[in-house]
Protein backbone atom coordinates (compact mmCIF):
# COMPACT_ATOMS: atom_id res chain seq x y z
CA MET A 1 172.88 -141.28 134.36
CA HIS A 2 171.43 -139.40 137.53
CA VAL A 3 168.01 -138.87 138.10
CA ILE A 4 166.96 -135.54 139.65
CA LYS A 5 163.55 -134.53 141.64
CA ASN A 6 162.62 -131.35 141.58
CA SER A 7 159.87 -131.05 144.08
CA LEU A 8 158.55 -127.82 142.32
CA PHE A 9 157.23 -129.21 139.78
CA ASN A 10 157.10 -132.92 140.65
CA CYS A 11 158.81 -134.36 138.43
CA ARG A 12 161.99 -136.42 137.80
CA VAL A 13 164.95 -135.41 135.08
CA PHE A 14 167.42 -137.63 133.71
CA ALA A 15 170.59 -136.29 133.13
CA GLU A 16 174.25 -136.95 132.63
CA PRO A 17 176.78 -135.68 134.88
CA ILE A 18 178.52 -133.59 132.86
CA LEU A 19 175.20 -132.12 131.41
CA ILE A 20 174.37 -131.23 135.17
CA PHE A 21 177.93 -129.56 135.85
CA SER A 22 177.92 -127.49 132.53
CA MET A 23 174.16 -126.00 133.45
CA PHE A 24 175.52 -125.16 136.96
CA LEU A 25 178.63 -123.64 135.24
CA ALA A 26 176.75 -121.35 133.12
CA LEU A 27 174.29 -120.60 135.94
CA PHE A 28 177.79 -119.52 137.89
CA SER A 29 179.11 -117.62 135.16
CA ILE A 30 175.95 -115.68 134.96
CA LEU A 31 175.49 -115.23 138.54
CA GLN A 32 179.35 -113.75 138.75
CA ARG A 33 178.92 -111.62 135.57
CA GLU A 34 175.95 -110.48 137.76
CA ILE A 35 177.86 -109.53 140.73
CA ILE A 36 180.71 -107.70 138.67
CA ILE A 37 178.36 -105.46 137.80
CA PHE A 38 176.61 -104.88 141.03
CA ILE A 39 180.48 -104.53 142.75
CA PHE A 40 181.79 -101.75 139.82
CA ARG A 41 178.57 -99.79 139.95
CA HIS A 42 178.75 -99.28 144.14
CA ILE A 43 182.09 -98.35 143.51
CA LYS A 44 181.28 -95.63 141.20
CA GLN A 45 178.89 -94.22 143.61
CA ILE A 46 181.55 -94.36 146.26
CA ASN A 47 183.44 -92.28 144.04
CA LYS A 48 181.22 -89.72 142.99
CA ARG A 49 180.20 -89.18 146.76
CA GLU A 50 183.97 -88.99 147.66
CA HIS A 51 184.34 -86.62 144.63
CA ILE A 52 181.19 -84.30 145.95
CA LEU A 53 182.63 -84.09 149.91
CA ILE A 54 186.06 -83.18 148.10
CA LYS A 55 184.45 -80.37 146.25
CA LYS A 56 182.46 -79.39 149.51
CA LEU A 57 185.66 -79.43 151.92
CA LYS A 58 187.75 -77.36 149.31
CA ASN A 59 184.90 -74.62 148.63
CA LYS A 60 185.03 -74.42 152.77
CA LEU A 61 188.65 -73.63 153.00
């Protein structure tokens, strides 16, 4: 059993190592999902900008 000292709330949490690992894994999977969503939104915006630029260039020709 490990003791985790939390300075924000000034308390101690007693937890098994596997519980600590699974909590970090859950947090990482949530963050990973958010990062993937952010990247796909950014790619969509880039594609829209490129599409608009291509239309403008075609209209000039």
